[in-house]
Every structure is written in structure tokens, then in C-alpha cells.
Amino acid sequence: MNGDRSGVVRRDARRSSGGARGARAGALGASWRHGTSSSLSWARRCAAGLAALLSLSACESPQLRRRSIIDTDRVLAVRVEPPEVAPGQGARAKVLFVRADGRTVVDWATEGLRLRWRACVRAEQVPGLSGIQYAPESPSEGCDAVPDALRADLDVHEGEAVVSGELTARAHAAIEWLGAALGDALPREVLRAIAQDVGVPLVLDVAIEDEEGRRVALAFKRMMVSPRVPRGTNPPPPRLAFDGRWLSARRGDPHLCTPEDGSEPVRVESGTEVIVAPEPGEEAWLEMFPVVDVAGRIVTGRENAYYSFFSTAGRFEAELTRAPAREERWTAPAEPGPRPLYVVVRDGHGGTSWCRIDVEVVR
């Protein structure tokens, strides 16, 4: 698979798991280093999943082709900066959450929403071989199914999760505990090579809740903790041609694509087919990275550029494109009015960027 499943939203009336933040974080640090009988048992049950992860290769997953029309509140992307850190290095994570009318949620309190971010280590994801960085509609992929002792609540500042250096150091040290928990699932030397050269995946998940504590959406993202140098980075803010006109998020707001020539807003006639063409030349920012092959050897993989497209109306021809066939065709809706269009860029190895294009559809 390409290593990056588009995933969005899950509506669920369940509340997030309880427990005091301090108590949970403290248990996390202790058990990752030493383990407990209950969490060891849980990890052993996960060991079977390692064999399946070891067989994954870099090909395009049909699950990438998500519904491109925004007609409900949903998550379009999650970004960690940086997406790969050294043990002891911190990071920040943010979520692209949009309302059914296409508005980007920025002021969470005004929208009557709050965020609950968590981090966890999952034994079956130790190799990080799938490269899958975030996925939809499946809380089992995040931290819900992980014992309290193996997860921690994260502080939230202005909507962004704060991943501390202390937490990433503990996550990387967990390789020894995970090796004991997994037994013979992978040789100890392979696990150590993974920790040193590939990295240990730290799963972040974010639950978006309303004022009553009901879960509106859930999404997750994997970041990597690795001592290797150089480490992975995010793609640059998008730059693209919209109907032949260059737009960019590299000046000003890094998540808003506006005309580079500073001219009038983006307009398109209703029913018109428009070519949306991301800038070529991805080789300038695509990176190489180590992975483990099916024989347990450390080999070199290469990122690729994937582009997902979303809007509140109209029709996308492909919904998702992959370099070099990066162009998308969007047919504007018949009804006039403002139509936000989102472009999400992923590199298949945890890197993400995005921008919104404010399009006015006219008759």
C-alpha cells in the first residue's frame, strides 16, 4: 500500500476513557520500562499482527480513495511537526477538522468543541512497516483498545497536542519491554535494529467532543521516534495551478492557497471542469527512509507524493492522485456560491501538509 490511508471521521456517542491525566502518565512511564502482567498479556495477543505487518509493501490501497465530498463534520488530515523525532525531542500535532459547510474549525471553544489528545505504544505496530500514518472510522487503530498503563493524555495548547520530549524518550525505551512482550515474534536483534534505524511508532489519537462530552470524531496519526539522522520531515505547503492560475500557501497562512499574483479571488463558472494541478518536482522534498523487509533486513524505501481533494460540492474525477499523474479534474457545481476546496499532500511516510482554496462559483 502507499503507506497513508485517508481517513476521516467516526461519529460515536461514547465518552472517552476516564482516568486522571497525571496518574495515567505516571503508569505509562513505569509500565513501558518494566511491564505488567496484564499489559504483557495484551501485547502477546498483538504479536500475531506483526507477521501481517512484515508482509506489507509499497502499493496503493483502495482505502485511500475516500469520499471527497464534504457533507458532514469530519477530519480531513492530521499533521505532526516534526513527523519524526529523536528520543527526548518534542513535537506538536494538529488536526484539520471541517464542518459540513466546509468551514475549517480554528476556534474550538466558539464551535462548542473540545479536543482530547492521547499517545500510546501498540505492540503490533512496532516495526512501523506499513507506513500507514492515519486512518478513518476505526478507533481500534488508535488508543481506545490500549490498556491505561500504555497510554497517556497529552496537553493541548490552542488546539494542538503537545508531545513532550520525556514522552518520546519513554516511547523509544519501550522497545526492550516490547521485545520481552512479543517473545519469539521477532528476534531481539531485529527489534533493536528497528529501534535504532527504523524507529518506534508513537500513536497519537484525537477525539473531538461536543460540550456534553459526546464524541463527534476520532482520528489517529503515527509519528516515529528514531535516533537516525536525517529524520523525516513534512512536505512543504502546497503550490498548485488551478485552471492554469498559480496558487500557493507558501506566503502568509501555510494552510491557505491564494493567487500568487495577488489578483482577484478565485472564481469559476458553474458546471465548468477545472484542472487542479499540484506543482511537479516533488523530488526536491521526497525523502529516503529505512524499513524492514519480509526477511527482517533493514532496507531503504522512498517516499512518494499523494494528493487528496475535497470540497462541499461538485465532482472530482479521481479524488486522490499520485505523482507523476498528480492532476485532478473538478467539475464545479451548478449552484453558485462559495465552495472551499481542500488539497491534502502526503508523502507516504508520515509527512503531511494541506491548504484550502476559497472558490467562488458564479453563473
Protein backbone atom coordinates (compact mmCIF):
# COMPACT_ATOMS: atom_id res chain seq x y z
CA MET A 1 0.00 0.00 0.00
CA ASN A 2 1.11 3.53 -0.35
CA GLY A 3 1.50 3.94 3.36
CA ASP A 4 -1.09 6.62 4.01
CA ARG A 5 -4.76 5.83 4.41
CA SER A 6 -7.04 8.84 4.11
CA GLY A 7 -9.26 8.78 6.95
CA VAL A 8 -11.68 10.94 8.35
CA VAL A 9 -14.35 10.72 10.88
CA ARG A 10 -16.30 8.48 13.16
CA ARG A 11 -19.44 9.53 14.97
CA ASP A 12 -19.81 7.90 18.34
CA ALA A 13 -21.78 8.84 21.40
CA ARG A 14 -19.35 7.12 23.74
CA ARG A 15 -17.30 9.19 26.10
CA SER A 16 -13.52 8.99 26.17
CA SER A 17 -11.99 6.69 28.71
CA GLY A 18 -11.76 8.18 32.18
CA GLY A 19 -8.82 8.46 34.49
CA ALA A 20 -6.67 11.21 35.86
CA ARG A 21 -4.08 12.60 33.48
CA GLY A 22 -1.29 12.55 35.98
CA ALA A 23 -1.99 9.01 37.13
CA ARG A 24 -2.19 7.69 33.62
CA ALA A 25 1.02 9.39 32.51
CA GLY A 26 2.84 8.04 35.53
CA ALA A 27 1.66 4.48 34.88
CA LEU A 28 2.71 4.87 31.27
CA GLY A 29 6.29 5.65 32.15
CA ALA A 30 6.59 2.78 34.60
CA SER A 31 4.97 0.06 32.51
CA TRP A 32 6.79 0.91 29.29
CA ARG A 33 10.05 0.26 31.06
CA HIS A 34 9.11 -2.70 33.22
CA GLY A 35 5.79 -4.10 32.03
CA THR A 36 2.85 -5.56 33.93
CA SER A 37 1.25 -8.97 33.67
CA SER A 38 -1.98 -7.62 32.16
CA SER A 39 -0.28 -5.43 29.57
CA LEU A 40 2.21 -8.18 28.71
CA SER A 41 -0.70 -10.50 28.01
CA TRP A 42 -2.27 -7.83 25.83
CA ALA A 43 0.97 -7.37 23.89
CA ARG A 44 1.38 -11.10 23.31
CA ARG A 45 -2.08 -11.19 21.74
CA CYS A 46 -0.86 -8.45 19.40
CA ALA A 47 2.23 -10.39 18.34
CA ALA A 48 0.38 -12.24 15.60
CA GLY A 49 -0.26 -8.93 13.90
CA LEU A 50 3.47 -8.39 13.40
CA ALA A 51 3.69 -11.07 10.74
CA ALA A 52 1.00 -9.35 8.72
CA LEU A 53 2.77 -6.01 9.00
CA LEU A 54 6.01 -7.59 7.84
CA SER A 55 4.38 -8.62 4.57
CA LEU A 56 3.17 -5.14 3.61
CA SER A 57 4.78 -3.42 0.64
CA ALA A 58 4.53 -0.04 -1.05
CA CYS A 59 1.40 -0.19 -3.19
CA GLU A 60 -1.72 1.89 -3.45
CA SER A 61 -4.51 0.93 -1.09
CA PRO A 62 -8.14 1.14 -2.25
CA GLN A 63 -8.90 2.52 1.22
CA LEU A 64 -7.09 5.68 0.19
CA ARG A 65 -9.96 6.60 -2.07
CA ARG A 66 -12.19 8.25 0.49
CA ARG A 67 -15.35 10.15 -0.12
CA SER A 68 -14.26 13.53 -1.45
CA ILE A 69 -17.47 15.48 -0.93
CA ILE A 70 -17.76 17.14 2.48
CA ASP A 71 -21.34 16.74 3.68
CA THR A 72 -20.78 16.16 7.38
CA ASP A 73 -18.40 17.31 10.10
CA ARG A 74 -15.18 15.41 9.53
CA VAL A 75 -11.42 15.18 9.91
CA LEU A 76 -9.51 15.51 6.65
CA ALA A 77 -5.95 15.24 7.94
CA VAL A 78 -3.67 15.14 10.98
CA ARG A 79 -0.20 16.66 10.94
CA VAL A 80 2.70 16.25 13.37
CA GLU A 81 5.58 18.73 13.32
CA PRO A 82 8.09 17.24 13.03
CA PRO A 83 6.70 13.82 12.00
CA GLU A 84 9.86 12.02 13.13
CA VAL A 85 11.78 12.97 16.27
CA ALA A 86 14.82 11.87 18.22
CA PRO A 87 14.22 10.26 21.61
CA GLY A 88 13.80 13.15 24.02
CA GLN A 89 12.68 15.60 21.32
CA GLY A 90 9.19 17.11 21.46
CA ALA A 91 6.62 17.70 18.73
CA ARG A 92 3.24 19.34 18.10
CA ALA A 93 0.20 17.81 16.40
CA LYS A 94 -2.81 19.48 14.82
CA VAL A 95 -5.96 18.24 13.14
CA LEU A 96 -7.75 19.56 10.06
CA PHE A 97 -11.41 19.36 11.10
CA VAL A 98 -14.10 20.86 8.91
CA ARG A 99 -17.80 21.48 9.35
CA ALA A 100 -20.37 20.17 6.90
CA ASP A 101 -20.40 23.57 5.17
CA GLY A 102 -16.65 23.32 4.56
CA ARG A 103 -15.51 25.76 7.24
CA THR A 104 -12.18 24.97 8.88
CA VAL A 105 -12.58 24.85 12.65
CA VAL A 106 -9.98 27.10 14.26
CA ASP A 107 -11.65 28.43 17.41
CA TRP A 108 -12.77 25.22 19.09
CA ALA A 109 -14.49 26.87 22.06
CA THR A 110 -16.62 29.08 19.82
CA GLU A 111 -17.71 25.99 17.90
CA GLY A 112 -18.68 24.28 21.15
CA LEU A 113 -16.00 21.64 20.72
CA ARG A 114 -13.03 20.37 22.69
CA LEU A 115 -10.11 18.15 21.84
CA ARG A 116 -8.74 15.18 23.76
CA TRP A 117 -5.34 14.07 22.52
CA ARG A 118 -3.64 10.86 23.66
CA ALA A 119 -0.44 8.97 22.89
CA CYS A 120 0.21 5.25 23.12
CA VAL A 121 2.51 2.46 22.02
CA ARG A 122 0.92 -0.57 20.37
CA ALA A 123 2.96 -3.74 20.27
CA GLU A 124 1.67 -4.92 16.90
CA GLN A 125 2.87 -1.69 15.28
CA VAL A 126 6.45 -1.87 16.49
CA PRO A 127 8.14 -2.36 13.11
CA GLY A 128 6.28 0.60 11.60
CA LEU A 129 6.48 -1.33 8.36
CA SER A 130 3.13 -0.37 6.92
CA GLY A 131 3.97 3.32 6.94
CA ILE A 132 0.23 3.87 7.46
CA GLN A 133 0.05 7.17 9.20
CA TYR A 134 -3.58 7.70 9.81
CA ALA A 135 -6.87 6.09 9.12
CA PRO A 136 -10.62 6.50 9.30
CA GLU A 137 -13.55 5.27 11.26
CA SER A 138 -11.73 2.67 13.30
CA PRO A 139 -10.99 3.54 16.93
CA SER A 140 -9.23 0.18 17.25
CA GLU A 141 -6.44 1.78 15.19
CA GLY A 142 -5.87 4.46 17.82
CA CYS A 143 -5.51 4.26 21.59
CA ASP A 144 -9.01 3.16 22.64
CA ALA A 145 -8.06 -0.52 22.78
CA VAL A 146 -4.76 0.09 24.56
CA PRO A 147 -4.56 -0.52 28.33
CA ASP A 148 -4.40 2.57 30.50
CA ALA A 149 -0.86 1.69 31.52
CA LEU A 150 0.33 2.07 27.92
CA ARG A 151 -1.22 5.41 27.05
CA ALA A 152 -1.05 8.99 28.24
CA ASP A 153 -3.21 12.07 27.83
CA LEU A 154 -1.48 14.95 26.11
CA ASP A 155 -1.59 18.61 26.99
CA VAL A 156 -3.43 20.75 24.45
CA HIS A 157 -2.38 24.30 23.61
CA GLU A 158 -4.52 26.34 21.20
CA GLY A 159 -5.95 23.14 19.74
CA GLU A 160 -2.58 21.47 19.18
CA ALA A 161 -1.30 18.45 21.07
CA VAL A 162 2.00 18.91 22.89
CA VAL A 163 4.15 15.78 22.69
CA SER A 164 6.89 16.16 25.28
CA GLY A 165 10.48 15.04 24.94
CA GLU A 166 10.03 12.94 28.07
CA LEU A 167 7.24 11.02 26.38
CA THR A 168 9.19 10.33 23.18
CA ALA A 169 12.15 9.11 25.25
CA ARG A 170 9.86 6.67 27.07
CA ALA A 171 8.35 5.50 23.80
CA HIS A 172 11.75 4.69 22.36
CA ALA A 173 12.84 2.92 25.56
CA ALA A 174 9.72 0.75 25.26
CA ILE A 175 11.44 -1.37 22.62
CA GLU A 176 13.01 -3.51 25.35
CA TRP A 177 9.68 -4.04 27.07
CA LEU A 178 8.02 -4.81 23.74
CA GLY A 179 10.74 -7.27 22.87
CA ALA A 180 10.04 -9.20 26.08
CA ALA A 181 6.29 -8.98 25.49
CA LEU A 182 6.50 -10.26 21.92
CA GLY A 183 8.69 -13.21 22.78
CA ASP A 184 9.73 -15.01 19.60
CA ALA A 185 7.60 -12.94 17.24
CA LEU A 186 10.75 -11.10 16.15
CA PRO A 187 14.39 -11.77 17.08
CA ARG A 188 15.71 -9.34 19.68
CA GLU A 189 18.44 -8.12 17.34
CA VAL A 190 15.80 -7.22 14.75
CA LEU A 191 13.83 -5.24 17.32
CA ARG A 192 16.97 -3.36 18.33
CA ALA A 193 17.76 -2.62 14.69
CA ILE A 194 14.22 -1.32 14.26
CA ALA A 195 14.61 0.96 17.27
CA GLN A 196 17.96 2.26 16.05
CA ASP A 197 17.41 2.55 12.30
CA VAL A 198 13.66 2.48 11.58
CA GLY A 199 12.20 3.96 14.74
CA VAL A 200 9.46 3.18 17.22
CA PRO A 201 5.96 4.31 16.21
CA LEU A 202 4.18 6.51 18.74
CA VAL A 203 0.45 6.58 18.04
CA LEU A 204 -1.42 9.83 18.62
CA ASP A 205 -5.19 9.95 18.56
CA VAL A 206 -7.56 12.87 18.86
CA ALA A 207 -11.18 12.71 19.96
CA ILE A 208 -13.30 15.73 19.12
CA GLU A 209 -16.16 16.11 21.58
CA ASP A 210 -19.13 18.41 21.94
CA GLU A 211 -19.97 20.33 25.10
CA GLU A 212 -21.80 17.30 26.52
CA GLY A 213 -18.72 15.13 26.14
CA ARG A 214 -20.13 13.16 23.21
CA ARG A 215 -17.57 12.09 20.66
CA VAL A 216 -18.08 13.76 17.30
CA ALA A 217 -15.00 12.46 15.53
CA LEU A 218 -11.94 10.33 16.13
CA ALA A 219 -8.74 10.23 14.11
CA PHE A 220 -5.21 9.00 14.68
CA LYS A 221 -1.71 9.56 13.44
CA ARG A 222 1.55 7.71 13.86
CA MET A 223 4.77 9.59 14.40
CA MET A 224 8.19 7.97 14.56
CA VAL A 225 10.77 8.17 17.32
CA SER A 226 14.20 7.37 15.93
CA PRO A 227 17.84 8.30 16.65
CA ARG A 228 18.74 8.06 12.96
CA VAL A 229 19.87 11.12 11.01
CA PRO A 230 18.45 12.60 8.88
CA ARG A 231 14.90 12.17 10.11
CA GLY A 232 11.73 12.58 8.06
CA THR A 233 10.08 15.95 7.51
CA ASN A 234 6.71 17.19 6.27
CA PRO A 235 6.07 18.21 2.64
CA PRO A 236 6.20 21.97 2.04
CA PRO A 237 2.93 23.95 1.99
CA PRO A 238 1.08 23.17 -1.25
CA ARG A 239 1.57 25.04 -4.51
CA LEU A 240 -0.71 24.25 -7.43
CA ALA A 241 -2.22 25.51 -10.65
CA PHE A 242 -5.99 26.00 -10.55
CA ASP A 243 -7.33 26.30 -14.08
CA GLY A 244 -3.84 27.45 -15.12
CA ARG A 245 -3.53 30.03 -12.36
CA TRP A 246 -0.83 29.52 -9.73
CA LEU A 247 -1.95 29.40 -6.12
CA SER A 248 0.28 28.87 -3.12
CA ALA A 249 0.26 28.51 0.67
CA ARG A 250 3.94 29.47 0.89
CA ARG A 251 3.24 33.13 1.57
CA GLY A 252 1.32 34.01 4.70
CA ASP A 253 -1.04 31.35 6.04
CA PRO A 254 0.60 27.95 5.34
CA HIS A 255 -2.85 26.34 5.09
CA LEU A 256 -4.49 28.80 2.67
CA CYS A 257 -3.71 28.69 -1.06
CA THR A 258 -4.15 32.14 -2.63
CA PRO A 259 -3.24 33.59 -6.07
CA GLU A 260 0.49 34.20 -6.26
CA ASP A 261 -0.02 37.31 -8.39
CA GLY A 262 -2.20 38.88 -5.70
CA SER A 263 -5.05 39.36 -8.15
CA GLU A 264 -8.77 38.89 -7.65
CA PRO A 265 -10.21 35.90 -5.78
CA VAL A 266 -10.59 32.51 -7.43
CA ARG A 267 -13.79 32.29 -9.47
CA VAL A 268 -15.14 29.59 -11.75
CA GLU A 269 -18.34 29.32 -13.74
CA SER A 270 -20.89 26.77 -12.57
CA GLY A 271 -20.62 23.41 -14.31
CA THR A 272 -17.12 24.16 -15.59
CA GLU A 273 -14.45 21.47 -15.46
CA VAL A 274 -11.27 22.79 -13.85
CA ILE A 275 -7.83 21.15 -13.81
CA VAL A 276 -6.19 21.26 -10.37
CA ALA A 277 -2.50 20.52 -10.90
CA PRO A 278 -0.11 20.28 -7.92
CA GLU A 279 3.35 21.61 -8.64
CA PRO A 280 5.69 18.99 -10.12
CA GLY A 281 9.24 18.47 -8.93
CA GLU A 282 8.44 16.54 -5.76
CA GLU A 283 11.95 15.06 -5.90
CA ALA A 284 13.10 18.20 -4.12
CA TRP A 285 11.29 17.19 -0.92
CA LEU A 286 10.67 13.46 -1.14
CA GLU A 287 12.97 11.52 1.19
CA MET A 288 14.51 8.09 1.63
CA PHE A 289 13.84 6.12 4.80
CA PRO A 290 14.73 2.72 6.30
CA VAL A 291 12.17 -0.09 6.53
CA VAL A 292 12.27 -3.76 7.45
CA ASP A 293 11.60 -6.24 4.66
CA VAL A 294 9.93 -9.63 4.99
CA ALA A 295 13.29 -11.25 5.75
CA GLY A 296 13.86 -8.93 8.71
CA ARG A 297 16.54 -6.91 6.93
CA ILE A 298 16.84 -3.12 7.06
CA VAL A 299 16.35 -1.80 3.52
CA THR A 300 15.81 1.64 2.04
CA GLY A 301 12.39 2.86 0.97
CA ARG A 302 11.42 6.03 -0.85
CA GLU A 303 8.52 8.38 -0.27
CA ASN A 304 6.01 9.28 -2.95
CA ALA A 305 3.62 12.21 -3.27
CA TYR A 306 -0.11 11.62 -2.82
CA TYR A 307 -2.75 14.31 -3.26
CA SER A 308 -6.27 14.09 -1.81
CA PHE A 309 -9.00 16.52 -2.90
CA PHE A 310 -12.16 17.56 -1.04
CA SER A 311 -14.97 20.05 -1.47
CA THR A 312 -18.56 20.59 -0.39
CA ALA A 313 -19.97 20.18 -3.90
CA GLY A 314 -19.09 19.42 -7.49
CA ARG A 315 -17.43 16.25 -8.71
CA PHE A 316 -13.83 15.05 -8.58
CA GLU A 317 -12.64 12.69 -11.27
CA ALA A 318 -10.08 10.76 -9.21
CA GLU A 319 -10.40 12.02 -5.59
CA LEU A 320 -6.80 11.02 -4.99
CA THR A 321 -3.79 11.26 -7.29
CA ARG A 322 -0.21 10.12 -7.09
CA ALA A 323 2.86 11.65 -8.71
CA PRO A 324 3.61 11.76 -11.57
CA ALA A 325 -0.11 11.57 -12.52
CA ARG A 326 -0.87 14.28 -9.98
CA GLU A 327 -3.53 16.30 -11.82
CA GLU A 328 -7.16 16.25 -10.73
CA ARG A 329 -10.29 17.41 -12.56
CA TRP A 330 -13.05 19.12 -10.61
CA THR A 331 -16.42 19.93 -12.12
CA ALA A 332 -17.89 22.94 -10.35
CA PRO A 333 -21.43 22.54 -9.03
CA ALA A 334 -24.42 24.06 -10.83
CA GLU A 335 -25.40 26.19 -7.86
CA PRO A 336 -23.41 29.41 -7.41
CA GLY A 337 -21.82 30.42 -4.14
CA PRO A 338 -18.63 29.98 -2.11
CA ARG A 339 -17.11 26.49 -2.30
CA PRO A 340 -14.00 25.69 -0.29
CA LEU A 341 -11.70 23.15 -1.89
CA TYR A 342 -9.06 21.33 0.18
CA VAL A 343 -5.86 19.74 -1.09
CA VAL A 344 -4.03 17.39 1.32
CA VAL A 345 -0.48 16.30 0.47
CA ARG A 346 1.07 13.19 2.00
CA ASP A 347 4.43 11.54 1.42
CA GLY A 348 3.51 8.00 2.50
CA HIS A 349 5.90 8.11 5.47
CA GLY A 350 4.10 10.32 7.95
CA GLY A 351 4.61 13.71 6.31
CA THR A 352 1.51 15.83 5.68
CA SER A 353 0.60 19.32 4.50
CA TRP A 354 -2.62 20.89 3.27
CA CYS A 355 -4.28 24.05 2.08
CA ARG A 356 -7.77 25.40 1.44
CA ILE A 357 -8.74 27.21 -1.75
CA ASP A 358 -11.66 29.61 -1.39
CA VAL A 359 -13.52 29.28 -4.69
CA GLU A 360 -16.48 31.42 -5.73
CA VAL A 361 -18.77 29.59 -8.16
CA VAL A 362 -20.58 32.04 -10.44
CA ARG A 363 -23.12 31.70 -13.26
